[in-house]
Protein backbone atom coordinates (compact mmCIF):
# COMPACT_ATOMS: atom_id res chain seq x y z
CA MET A 1 0.00 0.00 0.00
CA THR A 2 1.08 3.57 -0.58
CA SER A 3 0.69 6.63 1.63
CA SER A 4 0.26 10.31 0.81
CA ILE A 5 2.89 13.00 0.93
CA HIS A 6 2.72 15.07 4.15
CA PRO A 7 4.76 18.15 5.19
CA SER A 8 7.50 17.61 7.73
CA PRO A 9 6.09 18.27 11.28
CA ASP A 10 9.25 20.07 12.43
CA ASN A 11 8.96 22.70 9.71
CA SER A 12 5.76 24.44 10.83
CA SER A 13 6.54 27.69 9.01
CA SER A 14 6.15 25.99 5.66
CA VAL A 15 3.19 23.82 6.54
CA LYS A 16 0.54 26.17 5.23
CA GLU A 17 2.59 26.97 2.15
CA ASN A 18 3.05 23.33 1.27
CA MET A 19 -0.35 22.02 2.26
CA PRO A 20 -2.43 20.88 -0.71
CA LYS A 21 -4.66 23.53 -2.20
CA LYS A 22 -8.42 23.02 -2.28
CA ASN A 23 -9.32 19.95 -4.41
CA GLU A 24 -5.58 19.23 -4.82
CA LYS A 25 -4.81 15.53 -4.37
CA PRO A 26 -1.20 14.79 -3.37
CA ILE A 27 0.62 12.22 -5.48
CA PRO A 28 1.36 8.94 -3.67
CA ILE A 29 4.89 8.43 -2.42
CA TYR A 30 7.32 7.10 -5.02
CA PRO A 31 8.44 4.67 -6.24
CA ILE A 32 5.11 2.76 -6.45
CA CYS A 33 1.73 4.27 -7.36
CA ASN A 34 -0.99 3.64 -9.92
CA ILE A 35 -0.37 5.40 -13.19
CA LYS A 36 -4.01 6.44 -13.49
CA ASP A 37 -3.74 8.44 -10.24
CA ILE A 38 -1.10 10.75 -11.70
CA ASN A 39 -2.27 14.09 -13.13
CA TYR A 40 -1.23 17.71 -13.45
CA MET A 41 -2.41 18.79 -9.98
CA ASN A 42 -0.57 16.21 -7.92
CA VAL A 43 2.59 16.35 -10.04
CA GLU A 44 2.68 20.14 -9.83
CA PHE A 45 2.22 19.86 -6.05
CA LEU A 46 4.98 17.26 -5.78
CA VAL A 47 7.46 19.33 -7.79
CA ARG A 48 6.57 22.55 -5.99
CA THR A 49 6.86 21.09 -2.52
CA THR A 50 9.75 18.66 -2.87
CA ASN A 51 11.72 19.85 -5.92
CA PHE A 52 11.01 16.44 -7.41
CA ASP A 53 13.13 15.69 -10.50
CA VAL A 54 10.70 15.38 -13.43
CA ASN A 55 13.21 13.16 -15.22
CA LYS A 56 13.42 10.66 -12.40
CA VAL A 57 12.87 7.07 -13.50
CA SER A 58 10.37 5.51 -11.10
CA THR A 59 8.22 2.41 -10.82
CA TYR A 60 4.46 2.67 -11.32
CA LEU A 61 1.53 0.31 -11.42
CA ILE A 62 -0.42 -0.23 -14.62
CA GLY A 63 -3.27 -2.30 -13.26
CA LYS A 64 -1.36 -4.89 -11.23
CA LYS A 65 1.78 -4.78 -13.37
CA LYS A 66 4.85 -2.77 -12.37
CA GLN A 67 6.45 -0.56 -15.02
CA THR A 68 9.59 1.58 -14.71
CA THR A 69 9.38 4.86 -16.59
CA THR A 70 9.29 8.68 -16.34
CA LEU A 71 6.51 11.17 -15.69
CA LEU A 72 6.64 12.36 -19.30
CA SER A 73 5.91 8.84 -20.46
CA VAL A 74 3.03 8.68 -17.97
CA ALA A 75 1.58 11.94 -19.32
CA ILE A 76 1.70 10.60 -22.87
CA TYR A 77 0.24 7.25 -21.79
CA ASN A 78 -2.66 8.99 -20.01
CA ARG A 79 -3.05 11.46 -22.90
CA ASP A 80 -2.90 14.21 -20.29
CA GLU A 81 -2.06 17.29 -22.36
CA LYS A 82 -2.01 19.64 -19.38
CA LEU A 83 0.51 17.47 -17.54
CA LEU A 84 2.53 17.07 -20.74
CA ASP A 85 2.78 20.84 -21.21
CA TYR A 86 3.76 21.31 -17.58
CA LEU A 87 6.53 18.71 -17.78
CA LEU A 88 7.88 20.21 -21.00
CA GLU A 89 7.95 23.62 -19.29
CA LYS A 90 9.99 21.99 -16.54
CA ASN A 91 12.47 20.75 -19.17
CA ALA A 92 11.48 17.10 -19.07
CA ASP A 93 13.91 15.15 -21.25
CA VAL A 94 12.01 14.20 -24.44
CA ASN A 95 14.72 11.70 -25.40
CA LEU A 96 15.00 9.91 -22.07
CA ARG A 97 14.48 6.16 -21.92
CA PRO A 98 12.80 4.00 -20.72
CA CYS A 99 9.26 4.74 -21.83
CA LEU A 100 6.10 2.66 -21.66
CA TYR A 101 5.91 1.67 -25.31
CA SER A 102 9.30 0.23 -26.28
CA LEU A 103 9.22 3.13 -28.76
CA SER A 104 10.72 6.58 -28.47
CA PHE A 105 8.21 9.35 -27.76
CA ALA A 106 8.52 10.61 -31.34
CA ARG A 107 7.93 7.15 -32.81
CA PHE A 108 4.89 6.77 -30.56
CA ALA A 109 3.51 10.09 -31.83
CA VAL A 110 4.01 9.02 -35.45
CA LYS A 111 2.46 5.60 -34.85
CA ASN A 112 -0.66 7.23 -33.37
CA ASP A 113 -0.88 10.08 -35.90
CA ASP A 114 -0.59 12.51 -33.00
CA GLU A 115 0.37 15.71 -34.79
CA ILE A 116 0.13 17.89 -31.68
CA LEU A 117 2.39 15.61 -29.65
CA LEU A 118 4.97 15.33 -32.41
CA ARG A 119 5.12 19.11 -32.85
CA LYS A 120 5.53 19.66 -29.10
CA LEU A 121 8.26 17.05 -28.86
CA ALA A 122 10.06 18.48 -31.89
CA ALA A 123 9.88 21.98 -30.42
CA HIS A 124 11.58 20.68 -27.27
CA GLY A 125 14.44 18.96 -29.05
CA VAL A 126 13.28 15.40 -29.61
CA ASP A 127 15.77 13.35 -31.63
CA ILE A 128 14.17 13.24 -35.09
CA GLU A 129 17.01 11.03 -36.35
CA ASP A 130 16.56 8.37 -33.66
CA VAL A 131 17.83 5.04 -35.04
CA SER A 132 17.22 2.92 -31.96
CA MET A 133 15.01 0.47 -33.84
CA PRO A 134 16.58 -2.56 -35.56
CA GLY A 135 17.81 -1.91 -39.08
CA LYS A 136 19.07 1.63 -38.44
CA GLN A 137 15.81 3.16 -39.68
CA THR A 138 14.83 6.66 -38.57
CA ILE A 139 11.37 7.86 -37.57
CA LEU A 140 10.83 9.14 -41.11
CA PHE A 141 10.95 5.50 -42.29
CA ASP A 142 8.04 4.67 -39.95
CA ALA A 143 5.97 7.55 -41.26
CA ALA A 144 6.80 6.87 -44.92
CA TYR A 145 6.18 3.12 -44.72
CA ASN A 146 2.79 3.57 -43.05
CA GLY A 147 1.63 6.30 -45.43
CA LYS A 148 1.41 9.02 -42.77
CA SER A 149 1.80 12.04 -45.01
CA LYS A 150 1.17 14.65 -42.29
CA MET A 151 3.77 13.06 -40.03
CA VAL A 152 6.23 13.05 -42.94
CA GLU A 153 5.67 16.78 -43.50
CA ILE A 154 6.23 17.59 -39.82
CA LEU A 155 9.41 15.52 -39.66
CA ILE A 156 10.77 17.20 -42.78
CA GLU A 157 9.87 20.62 -41.32
CA HIS A 158 12.17 19.71 -38.45
CA ASN A 159 15.02 18.71 -40.77
CA ALA A 160 14.56 14.95 -40.94
CA ASN A 161 17.17 13.49 -43.28
CA LEU A 162 15.47 12.48 -46.56
CA HIS A 163 18.53 10.53 -47.69
CA HIS A 164 19.21 8.44 -44.58
CA GLU A 165 20.09 4.84 -45.47
CA ASP A 166 19.41 1.82 -43.28
CA PHE A 167 21.59 -1.31 -43.14
CA HIS A 168 20.41 -2.33 -46.62
CA LYS A 169 20.82 1.19 -48.08
CA THR A 170 17.05 1.59 -48.14
CA THR A 171 15.77 5.19 -47.95
CA PRO A 172 12.40 6.62 -46.84
CA LEU A 173 11.41 7.11 -50.51
CA ILE A 174 12.12 3.46 -51.33
CA ILE A 175 10.10 2.24 -48.35
CA SER A 176 7.17 4.60 -49.00
CA ARG A 177 3.96 2.82 -49.97
CA SER A 178 1.64 5.73 -50.72
CA TYR A 179 1.38 8.24 -53.55
CA GLU A 180 0.99 11.19 -51.17
CA VAL A 181 4.14 10.39 -49.19
CA THR A 182 6.11 9.64 -52.36
CA LYS A 183 5.04 13.01 -53.79
CA ILE A 184 6.08 14.90 -50.64
CA LEU A 185 9.50 13.22 -50.52
CA LEU A 186 10.16 13.87 -54.21
CA GLU A 187 9.10 17.52 -53.93
CA LYS A 188 11.48 17.94 -50.99
CA GLY A 189 14.40 16.53 -52.98
CA ALA A 190 14.60 12.82 -52.13
CA LYS A 191 16.98 10.92 -54.42
CA VAL A 192 14.67 9.23 -56.92
CA ASN A 193 17.22 6.64 -58.08
CA ALA A 194 18.60 5.58 -54.69
CA MET A 195 19.07 1.81 -54.72
CA SER A 196 18.59 -0.61 -51.83
CA GLU A 197 20.36 -3.95 -51.75
CA PHE A 198 17.18 -5.49 -50.36
CA CYS A 199 14.30 -3.58 -51.98
CA GLY A 200 15.78 -2.19 -55.16
CA SER A 201 14.67 1.31 -56.16
CA ALA A 202 11.51 3.23 -55.27
CA LEU A 203 10.30 2.48 -58.80
CA MET A 204 10.79 -1.25 -58.25
CA GLN A 205 8.71 -1.08 -55.07
CA ALA A 206 5.96 0.80 -56.91
CA VAL A 207 6.05 -1.93 -59.57
CA ARG A 208 5.82 -4.63 -56.91
CA SER A 209 2.70 -2.92 -55.53
CA VAL A 210 1.29 -2.30 -59.04
CA ASP A 211 0.75 1.32 -57.92
CA LEU A 212 0.51 3.03 -61.30
CA SER A 213 0.14 6.53 -59.84
CA ARG A 214 3.39 6.11 -57.88
CA ILE A 215 5.10 4.64 -60.94
CA GLN A 216 4.08 7.67 -62.99
CA ILE A 217 5.22 10.32 -60.52
CA LEU A 218 8.55 8.54 -60.03
CA LEU A 219 9.06 8.49 -63.80
CA ASP A 220 8.08 12.18 -63.95
CA TYR A 221 10.86 12.93 -61.45
CA GLY A 222 13.43 11.04 -63.50
CA ALA A 223 13.34 7.50 -62.12
CA GLU A 224 15.53 5.17 -64.19
CA ILE A 225 13.11 2.86 -65.98
CA ASN A 226 15.82 0.28 -66.73
CA CYS A 227 17.33 0.30 -63.23
CA VAL A 228 19.28 -2.69 -61.92
CA LYS A 229 19.20 -3.96 -58.33
CA ARG A 230 22.58 -5.29 -57.17
CA ASN A 231 23.36 -7.34 -54.08
CA HIS A 232 25.20 -10.51 -53.03
CA SER A 233 22.88 -12.52 -55.31
CA GLY A 234 23.98 -10.59 -58.39
CA ALA A 235 22.35 -8.07 -60.70
CA GLU A 236 18.62 -7.95 -61.31
CA PRO A 237 17.30 -5.59 -64.03
CA MET A 238 13.83 -4.08 -63.73
CA VAL A 239 12.41 -6.30 -66.45
CA HIS A 240 13.54 -9.42 -64.55
CA PHE A 241 12.20 -7.96 -61.29
CA MET A 242 8.72 -7.96 -62.85
CA THR A 243 8.83 -11.71 -63.32
CA HIS A 244 8.83 -12.38 -59.56
CA THR A 245 5.19 -11.52 -59.00
CA ALA A 246 3.63 -11.64 -62.49
CA GLN A 247 3.43 -7.86 -62.86
CA THR A 248 1.52 -7.77 -66.16
CA ASP A 249 -0.16 -4.42 -65.44
CA SER A 250 3.16 -2.78 -64.57
CA LEU A 251 4.74 -4.21 -67.74
CA LYS A 252 1.91 -2.83 -69.86
CA PHE A 253 2.25 0.55 -68.16
CA PHE A 254 5.98 0.70 -68.89
CA LEU A 255 5.52 -0.33 -72.51
CA HIS A 256 2.90 2.39 -72.95
CA SER A 257 4.75 5.08 -71.00
CA SER A 258 8.13 5.13 -72.66
CA ASP A 259 10.10 3.89 -75.64
CA LYS A 260 13.11 3.74 -73.29
CA PHE A 261 11.91 0.62 -71.50
CA ASP A 262 14.13 -2.25 -72.62
CA ILE A 263 12.40 -5.63 -72.39
CA ASN A 264 15.57 -7.28 -73.72
CA MET A 265 17.86 -6.28 -70.85
CA LEU A 266 20.15 -9.10 -69.72
CA ASP A 267 21.27 -10.14 -66.27
CA GLU A 268 24.85 -11.15 -65.41
CA LYS A 269 24.30 -14.57 -67.00
CA LYS A 270 22.99 -12.97 -70.21
CA ARG A 271 19.46 -14.19 -69.51
CA THR A 272 16.37 -12.33 -70.67
CA ALA A 273 13.19 -12.11 -68.61
CA LEU A 274 11.92 -14.95 -70.80
CA HIS A 275 14.72 -17.19 -69.54
CA PHE A 276 13.63 -16.32 -65.99
CA LEU A 277 10.02 -17.24 -66.69
CA VAL A 278 10.96 -20.58 -68.20
CA ILE A 279 13.33 -21.47 -65.36
CA ARG A 280 11.12 -20.54 -62.42
CA PRO A 281 8.75 -23.29 -61.19
CA ILE A 282 5.16 -22.28 -61.92
CA SER A 283 2.36 -24.62 -60.89
CA SER A 284 -0.51 -25.32 -63.26
CA SER A 285 -2.88 -23.62 -60.80
CA ASP A 286 -1.02 -20.34 -61.39
CA ASN A 287 -1.32 -20.45 -65.18
CA GLU A 288 -3.99 -17.75 -65.32
CA LYS A 289 -1.76 -15.35 -63.39
CA TRP A 290 1.43 -15.91 -65.36
CA LEU A 291 0.10 -16.52 -68.87
CA PRO A 292 -0.75 -12.85 -69.60
CA LEU A 293 2.76 -11.76 -68.56
CA ILE A 294 4.44 -14.29 -70.85
CA GLN A 295 2.17 -13.36 -73.76
CA GLU A 296 2.82 -9.67 -73.16
CA PHE A 297 6.59 -10.16 -73.33
CA LEU A 298 6.32 -12.21 -76.51
CA ASN A 299 3.92 -9.85 -78.29
CA ALA A 300 5.99 -6.81 -77.30
CA GLY A 301 9.00 -8.30 -79.07
CA ILE A 302 11.25 -9.94 -76.50
CA ASP A 303 14.21 -11.63 -78.21
CA ILE A 304 13.57 -15.37 -78.35
CA ASN A 305 16.93 -15.95 -80.10
CA GLN A 306 19.00 -14.65 -77.17
CA GLU A 307 21.46 -17.16 -75.70
CA ASP A 308 22.48 -17.05 -72.05
CA SER A 309 26.06 -17.48 -70.81
CA ASP A 310 25.62 -21.27 -71.09
CA LYS A 311 24.64 -20.85 -74.77
CA LYS A 312 21.05 -21.82 -74.00
CA LEU A 313 17.95 -20.32 -75.59
CA ALA A 314 14.92 -19.65 -73.38
CA VAL A 315 13.13 -22.57 -75.01
CA GLU A 316 15.98 -24.85 -73.89
CA CYS A 317 15.91 -23.83 -70.21
CA SER A 318 12.71 -25.51 -69.10
CA THR A 319 12.90 -27.61 -65.96
CA GLY A 320 9.69 -29.40 -66.88
CA ARG A 321 7.75 -27.67 -64.09
CA ASN A 322 6.16 -24.97 -66.24
CA TYR A 323 5.13 -26.66 -69.46
CA PHE A 324 2.56 -24.01 -70.31
CA CYS A 325 5.26 -21.29 -70.44
CA LEU A 326 7.34 -23.36 -72.83
CA SER A 327 4.24 -24.05 -74.89
CA GLU A 328 3.52 -20.31 -75.29
CA ILE A 329 7.07 -19.66 -76.50
CA LYS A 330 6.79 -22.45 -79.07
CA LYS A 331 3.46 -21.09 -80.33
CA HIS A 332 5.09 -17.70 -80.75
CA ILE A 333 7.98 -19.24 -82.69
CA ILE A 334 5.41 -20.73 -85.10
CA LYS A 335 3.80 -17.29 -85.58
CA LEU A 336 7.17 -15.70 -86.35
CA LEU A 337 8.17 -18.49 -88.72
CA CYS A 338 4.94 -18.05 -90.68
CA LEU A 339 5.76 -14.34 -91.00
CA GLY A 340 9.20 -15.20 -92.37
CA CYS A 341 11.08 -13.74 -89.40
CA ASP A 342 14.69 -14.64 -88.65
CA ILE A 343 14.50 -17.61 -86.28
CA CYS A 344 17.62 -19.48 -85.20
CA PRO A 345 17.94 -23.20 -86.13
CA ARG A 346 17.51 -24.46 -82.56
CA ASN A 347 14.26 -22.55 -82.10
CA ARG A 348 13.08 -23.96 -85.44
CA ALA A 349 13.96 -27.46 -84.28
CA ALA A 350 11.92 -26.96 -81.11
CA VAL A 351 8.67 -26.66 -83.11
CA ARG A 352 9.03 -29.48 -85.64
CA ASN A 353 6.43 -31.55 -83.84
CA PRO A 354 3.41 -32.28 -86.10
CA ARG A 355 1.04 -31.14 -83.35
CA TYR A 356 1.78 -27.53 -84.32
CA GLU A 357 0.45 -27.99 -87.87
CA LYS A 358 -3.03 -26.73 -87.02
CA LEU A 359 -1.53 -23.53 -85.59
CA ARG A 360 0.64 -23.12 -88.69
CA THR A 361 -2.44 -23.40 -90.88
CA ARG A 362 -4.38 -20.81 -88.83
CA CYS A 363 -1.43 -18.41 -88.89
CA LYS A 364 -1.00 -18.70 -92.66
CA GLU A 365 -4.71 -18.08 -93.21
CA GLU A 366 -4.63 -15.03 -90.94
CA ILE A 367 -1.57 -13.67 -92.73
CA LYS A 368 -3.52 -13.76 -96.02
CA VAL A 369 -6.15 -11.53 -94.42
CA ILE A 370 -3.53 -9.23 -92.89
CA LYS A 371 -1.80 -8.93 -96.26
CA ASN A 372 -5.00 -7.66 -97.88
CA THR A 373 -6.14 -5.37 -95.06
CA CYS A 374 -4.91 -1.77 -95.12
CA LEU A 375 -4.79 0.76 -92.34
CA ILE A 376 -7.60 3.31 -92.59
CA GLU A 377 -7.08 5.79 -95.46
CA SER A 378 -3.75 4.22 -96.33
CA ASN A 379 -2.10 1.83 -98.76
CA ILE A 380 -0.05 0.34 -95.94
CA THR A 381 -1.21 -3.13 -94.93
CA TYR A 382 -1.06 -4.66 -91.48
CA LEU A 383 1.49 -7.09 -92.89
CA ASP A 384 3.67 -4.07 -93.72
CA VAL A 385 3.36 -3.01 -90.09
CA LEU A 386 4.63 -6.38 -88.93
CA LYS A 387 7.51 -6.58 -91.38
CA LYS A 388 8.81 -3.02 -91.75
CA SER A 389 11.11 -1.27 -89.30
CA VAL A 390 9.77 1.23 -86.77
CA ASP A 391 11.81 4.01 -88.40
CA ASP A 392 10.32 3.31 -91.84
CA LEU A 393 6.80 3.16 -90.44
CA LYS A 394 7.33 6.43 -88.58
CA ILE A 395 7.97 8.14 -91.93
CA GLU A 396 5.21 6.37 -93.88
CA LEU A 397 2.58 6.92 -91.18
CA ARG A 398 3.57 10.48 -90.23
CA ALA A 399 0.37 11.98 -91.67
CA MET A 400 -1.89 9.48 -89.90
CA ASP A 401 -3.37 9.35 -86.41
CA VAL A 402 -1.68 6.14 -85.32
CA ALA A 403 -3.02 6.54 -81.78
CA GLU A 404 -6.53 6.26 -83.19
CA ILE A 405 -5.62 3.14 -85.16
CA ILE A 406 -4.43 1.19 -82.12
CA LYS A 407 -7.75 1.83 -80.39
CA THR A 408 -9.20 -0.69 -82.84
CA GLU A 409 -9.82 -4.12 -81.35
CA LEU A 410 -6.89 -5.55 -83.28
CA GLN A 411 -6.67 -8.73 -81.24
CA GLN A 412 -10.28 -9.59 -81.98
CA ILE A 413 -9.78 -8.94 -85.69
CA PHE A 414 -6.44 -10.80 -85.83
CA PRO A 415 -6.36 -13.37 -82.98
CA ASN A 416 -2.78 -14.50 -83.63
CA TYR A 417 -1.11 -11.27 -84.74
CA GLY A 418 -3.31 -8.46 -83.38
CA ALA A 419 -1.28 -7.93 -80.20
CA MET A 420 2.00 -7.93 -82.15
CA ILE A 421 0.59 -5.30 -84.54
CA TYR A 422 -0.56 -3.24 -81.56
CA TYR A 423 2.88 -3.13 -79.94
CA LYS A 424 4.61 -2.38 -83.23
CA LEU A 425 2.33 0.63 -83.78
CA LEU A 426 2.85 1.68 -80.16
CA ARG A 427 6.61 1.83 -80.76
CA VAL A 428 5.91 3.95 -83.85
CA ILE A 429 3.92 6.38 -81.70
CA HIS A 430 6.80 6.62 -79.21
CA LYS A 431 9.21 7.36 -82.07
CA MET A 432 6.92 10.06 -83.45
CA LYS A 433 6.68 11.74 -80.05
CA LEU A 434 10.45 11.59 -79.65
CA THR A 435 10.96 13.19 -83.07
CA LYS A 436 8.57 16.03 -82.20
CA CYS A 437 10.44 16.65 -78.93
CA VAL A 438 13.76 16.87 -80.79
CA LEU A 439 12.33 19.23 -83.40
């Protein structure tokens, strides 16, 4: 049990001065008292009458559990703003440990979106760059990761380091998961192409989340679209990064956004993203998720003739665990062969099986239609689009609204070649825009 504070009986001259005022409840004697009994009135009385050190670490009861902490921590725990202000006026140490939350006061404020508390702590010298948490991450990391845009603004107002790197060289921008926070950090000068050994770049994380708005603003601020993540496992280009989680929407966005995106980038073993897709084990139950990504790569023109450092083509890298991926590549080889494209002998050999004859027949029949179908108000056929270079098409189609042409449901009209035509015309549009920018 605890007793109340009483004035010393041999100091009668100060008795009246130190007696509790009306309705003033003295704080129980330290070190043990219930945390809920502590408030502004009894703390002010204690400090006034005993010169109690507001930074003293004492033991309190939270229910029946003992907890060692400071009065400032108690004020924050009780959400007692009046007591908090009083303690700050008395120069309570805002960086003193221990506290009740296993978090610093500033981290607690950020976690609870307590703008008022964070501003008060910052005004009294709280350590904004506290890296006490594992991983060497500052408080700005907490705010950025959890999408707390207002907390991010306050921290930056008080000179939080935008470029701080944790153990993996991750920055607040890389760890940000919201458009609003990403925008704030970029506007304040965060390094858009900072690269983490663990997470890659901010653009890679936006791709992982399929957050197209974040992808766009990062590109607007100069994010490297063909960035490469490097760590102890080797180099991983952006296009390979997309193959980890079947990022079809992100791939489409990149292909539409810029002619700079290189789907034929190679890793250290000279493998394309297609090699990656063939090698990785994909269960038959995941076919629906991965099939669109594989088809998108093939239709956009990924190089099926590329050999890796072991002199293997993508079609030769199958482990037998993703037959459907291999099947899509072989179907695409048939389509290209029917067009008369340059296909290496080993890819040709991979599709000699008679079971592909029906596909060959369908492709040849469709090519006859393509050959006799012209683009609107033009003498250029869709077969010309497939066979001619992008530079030649840019000149021949310069007077036409190519953007309007690709709005046509090409894949419904040409089931086998419609998507290939679409991506070829899309590259023409990118070239035209680039030419206008130069001029």
